[in-house]
Structure formats: C-alpha cells, structure tokens
C-alpha cells in the first residue's frame, strides 16, 4: 500500500473475498445458513472478519478480512460450509486498502 493519505487517515491492508453463488443457492443455502452465519460471527468476534454479506440477488458474497495473505483469505472461504456444500462455486481474494482512522485499527 502507498503512504498514508492524510495525518488522520490510515490505509489498513486487508483482503476482500468475493464468493460466487451457485445458480440454485437461494434454495441450497437454507439448511447450512445458520452454521455459515455463526462462523462469520465468531470470526468477526475474533477480529478477522470486518464485514460480510451477500448481494440481494444471491449472485455473490463479499467478506472483508484481516489476514496477511491471499492464501489465508482463500483458506477462510474454502473452509466455509457454503463452499464445502456447493452453495458457493468460486472464490477469489484481492488485497484492499481500507480507509480508517488510526484509533479504529485493531
């Protein structure tokens, strides 16, 4: 990441996971959704997940994570019940500079 843009702003290096839903995900996710959401909540409590959610059209999910590498981000997605049960069919991860105030860093 580049230098800080301003004295009161920091670019936190994180990863954005993009997960593509299967065409039938609206139906197949229901049985495993509680397990998926509980895991995301736990990872959020641990400070790994910053934000997570899916598009209303059930096309993709985005998960913002604090990890050191793309491989770690992909491992989080691949270990998810949605990936294991075929609710997601593809995952990608990209580095992202999250704009925060220094006091917001964990």
C-alpha atoms as a PDB file:
ATOM      1  CA  UNK A   1       0.000   0.000   0.000  1.00  0.00           C
ATOM      2  CA  UNK A   2       1.078   3.560  -0.531  1.00  0.00           C
ATOM      3  CA  UNK A   3       1.887   6.089   2.172  1.00  0.00           C
ATOM      4  CA  UNK A   4      -0.859   7.380   4.427  1.00  0.00           C
ATOM      5  CA  UNK A   5      -3.116   9.813   2.549  1.00  0.00           C
ATOM      6  CA  UNK A   6      -3.533  12.232   5.493  1.00  0.00           C
ATOM      7  CA  UNK A   7      -2.398  12.600   9.097  1.00  0.00           C
ATOM      8  CA  UNK A   8      -5.753  11.467  10.497  1.00  0.00           C
ATOM      9  CA  UNK A   9      -6.356   8.627   7.992  1.00  0.00           C
ATOM     10  CA  UNK A  10      -4.660   5.253   7.604  1.00  0.00           C
ATOM     11  CA  UNK A  11      -4.944   2.660   4.842  1.00  0.00           C
ATOM     12  CA  UNK A  12      -5.369  -0.681   6.585  1.00  0.00           C
ATOM     13  CA  UNK A  13      -4.171  -3.548   4.361  1.00  0.00           C
ATOM     14  CA  UNK A  14      -6.929  -6.172   4.255  1.00  0.00           C
ATOM     15  CA  UNK A  15      -8.339  -8.671   1.762  1.00  0.00           C
ATOM     16  CA  UNK A  16     -11.730  -8.755   0.089  1.00  0.00           C
ATOM     17  CA  UNK A  17     -13.119 -12.199  -0.585  1.00  0.00           C
ATOM     18  CA  UNK A  18     -15.632 -12.441  -3.415  1.00  0.00           C
ATOM     19  CA  UNK A  19     -17.648 -15.651  -3.474  1.00  0.00           C
ATOM     20  CA  UNK A  20     -19.928 -16.568  -6.366  1.00  0.00           C
ATOM     21  CA  UNK A  21     -23.142 -18.389  -5.529  1.00  0.00           C
ATOM     22  CA  UNK A  22     -24.315 -21.484  -7.401  1.00  0.00           C
ATOM     23  CA  UNK A  23     -27.402 -20.953  -9.578  1.00  0.00           C
ATOM     24  CA  UNK A  24     -29.565 -22.816  -7.032  1.00  0.00           C
ATOM     25  CA  UNK A  25     -28.034 -21.165  -3.953  1.00  0.00           C
ATOM     26  CA  UNK A  26     -31.276 -19.495  -2.866  1.00  0.00           C
ATOM     27  CA  UNK A  27     -32.584 -22.997  -2.114  1.00  0.00           C
ATOM     28  CA  UNK A  28     -29.433 -24.931  -1.145  1.00  0.00           C
ATOM     29  CA  UNK A  29     -28.077 -22.440   1.380  1.00  0.00           C
ATOM     30  CA  UNK A  30     -31.043 -22.645   3.768  1.00  0.00           C
ATOM     31  CA  UNK A  31     -30.005 -25.842   5.614  1.00  0.00           C
ATOM     32  CA  UNK A  32     -26.421 -24.633   6.220  1.00  0.00           C
ATOM     33  CA  UNK A  33     -27.003 -20.902   6.607  1.00  0.00           C
ATOM     34  CA  UNK A  34     -27.101 -20.946  10.453  1.00  0.00           C
ATOM     35  CA  UNK A  35     -23.692 -22.672  10.538  1.00  0.00           C
ATOM     36  CA  UNK A  36     -22.288 -20.226   7.952  1.00  0.00           C
ATOM     37  CA  UNK A  37     -23.534 -17.166   9.839  1.00  0.00           C
ATOM     38  CA  UNK A  38     -22.343 -18.471  13.212  1.00  0.00           C
ATOM     39  CA  UNK A  39     -18.839 -18.973  11.833  1.00  0.00           C
ATOM     40  CA  UNK A  40     -18.767 -15.482  10.347  1.00  0.00           C
ATOM     41  CA  UNK A  41     -19.933 -14.040  13.675  1.00  0.00           C
ATOM     42  CA  UNK A  42     -17.182 -15.935  15.518  1.00  0.00           C
ATOM     43  CA  UNK A  43     -14.539 -14.725  13.045  1.00  0.00           C
ATOM     44  CA  UNK A  44     -15.870 -11.199  13.456  1.00  0.00           C
ATOM     45  CA  UNK A  45     -15.630 -11.502  17.242  1.00  0.00           C
ATOM     46  CA  UNK A  46     -12.004 -12.638  16.768  1.00  0.00           C
ATOM     47  CA  UNK A  47     -11.269  -9.534  14.675  1.00  0.00           C
ATOM     48  CA  UNK A  48     -10.626 -11.467  11.457  1.00  0.00           C
ATOM     49  CA  UNK A  49     -13.835 -10.636   9.619  1.00  0.00           C
ATOM     50  CA  UNK A  50     -14.502  -6.913   9.348  1.00  0.00           C
ATOM     51  CA  UNK A  51     -17.687  -7.083   7.308  1.00  0.00           C
ATOM     52  CA  UNK A  52     -19.599  -9.770   5.431  1.00  0.00           C
ATOM     53  CA  UNK A  53     -22.749 -10.025   3.408  1.00  0.00           C
ATOM     54  CA  UNK A  54     -24.349 -11.070   0.177  1.00  0.00           C
ATOM     55  CA  UNK A  55     -25.998  -9.252  -2.669  1.00  0.00           C
ATOM     56  CA  UNK A  56     -29.801  -9.355  -2.558  1.00  0.00           C
ATOM     57  CA  UNK A  57     -29.924 -11.082  -5.950  1.00  0.00           C
ATOM     58  CA  UNK A  58     -27.974 -14.062  -4.487  1.00  0.00           C
ATOM     59  CA  UNK A  59     -25.194 -13.638  -7.046  1.00  0.00           C
ATOM     60  CA  UNK A  60     -22.158 -13.033  -4.842  1.00  0.00           C
ATOM     61  CA  UNK A  61     -20.979 -12.511  -1.290  1.00  0.00           C
ATOM     62  CA  UNK A  62     -18.255 -10.170  -0.083  1.00  0.00           C
ATOM     63  CA  UNK A  63     -16.201 -10.713   3.042  1.00  0.00           C
ATOM     64  CA  UNK A  64     -13.599  -8.221   4.261  1.00  0.00           C
ATOM     65  CA  UNK A  65     -10.899  -9.919   6.318  1.00  0.00           C
ATOM     66  CA  UNK A  66      -7.772  -9.039   8.269  1.00  0.00           C
ATOM     67  CA  UNK A  67      -5.211 -11.606   7.160  1.00  0.00           C
ATOM     68  CA  UNK A  68      -1.626 -11.467   5.957  1.00  0.00           C
ATOM     69  CA  UNK A  69      -2.004 -13.082   2.536  1.00  0.00           C
ATOM     70  CA  UNK A  70      -4.305 -14.050  -0.306  1.00  0.00           C
ATOM     71  CA  UNK A  71      -3.791 -17.711   0.628  1.00  0.00           C
ATOM     72  CA  UNK A  72      -5.090 -17.050   4.148  1.00  0.00           C
ATOM     73  CA  UNK A  73      -8.112 -15.219   2.769  1.00  0.00           C
ATOM     74  CA  UNK A  74      -8.875 -18.050   0.365  1.00  0.00           C
ATOM     75  CA  UNK A  75      -8.494 -20.601   3.156  1.00  0.00           C
ATOM     76  CA  UNK A  76     -11.184 -18.796   5.162  1.00  0.00           C
ATOM     77  CA  UNK A  77     -13.553 -19.040   2.202  1.00  0.00           C
ATOM     78  CA  UNK A  78     -12.683 -22.627   1.325  1.00  0.00           C
ATOM     79  CA  UNK A  79     -13.223 -23.751   4.927  1.00  0.00           C
ATOM     80  CA  UNK A  80     -16.730 -22.276   4.931  1.00  0.00           C
ATOM     81  CA  UNK A  81     -19.720 -24.604   4.844  1.00  0.00           C
ATOM     82  CA  UNK A  82     -21.060 -22.702   1.824  1.00  0.00           C
ATOM     83  CA  UNK A  83     -18.022 -23.718  -0.221  1.00  0.00           C
ATOM     84  CA  UNK A  84     -17.976 -27.264   1.135  1.00  0.00           C
ATOM     85  CA  UNK A  85     -21.688 -27.768   0.346  1.00  0.00           C
ATOM     86  CA  UNK A  86     -21.637 -26.187  -3.116  1.00  0.00           C
ATOM     87  CA  UNK A  87     -23.582 -23.036  -2.190  1.00  0.00           C
ATOM     88  CA  UNK A  88     -20.577 -21.063  -3.426  1.00  0.00           C
ATOM     89  CA  UNK A  89     -18.951 -22.300  -6.613  1.00  0.00           C
ATOM     90  CA  UNK A  90     -15.976 -19.941  -6.860  1.00  0.00           C
ATOM     91  CA  UNK A  91     -13.976 -17.718  -4.523  1.00  0.00           C
ATOM     92  CA  UNK A  92     -11.408 -15.020  -5.167  1.00  0.00           C
ATOM     93  CA  UNK A  93      -9.427 -12.730  -2.876  1.00  0.00           C
ATOM     94  CA  UNK A  94      -7.786  -9.389  -3.561  1.00  0.00           C
ATOM     95  CA  UNK A  95      -5.743  -7.018  -1.406  1.00  0.00           C
ATOM     96  CA  UNK A  96      -7.609  -3.845  -0.492  1.00  0.00           C
ATOM     97  CA  UNK A  97      -6.686  -0.615   1.264  1.00  0.00           C
ATOM     98  CA  UNK A  98      -9.376   0.105   3.846  1.00  0.00           C
ATOM     99  CA  UNK A  99      -9.642   3.759   4.880  1.00  0.00           C
ATOM    100  CA  UNK A 100      -9.797   4.082   8.667  1.00  0.00           C
ATOM    101  CA  UNK A 101      -8.906   6.469  11.458  1.00  0.00           C
ATOM    102  CA  UNK A 102      -5.822   5.305  13.406  1.00  0.00           C
ATOM    103  CA  UNK A 103      -7.949   4.696  16.518  1.00  0.00           C
ATOM    104  CA  UNK A 104     -10.035   2.147  14.557  1.00  0.00           C
ATOM    105  CA  UNK A 105      -7.105  -0.193  13.922  1.00  0.00           C
ATOM    106  CA  UNK A 106      -7.096  -3.371  15.950  1.00  0.00           C
END
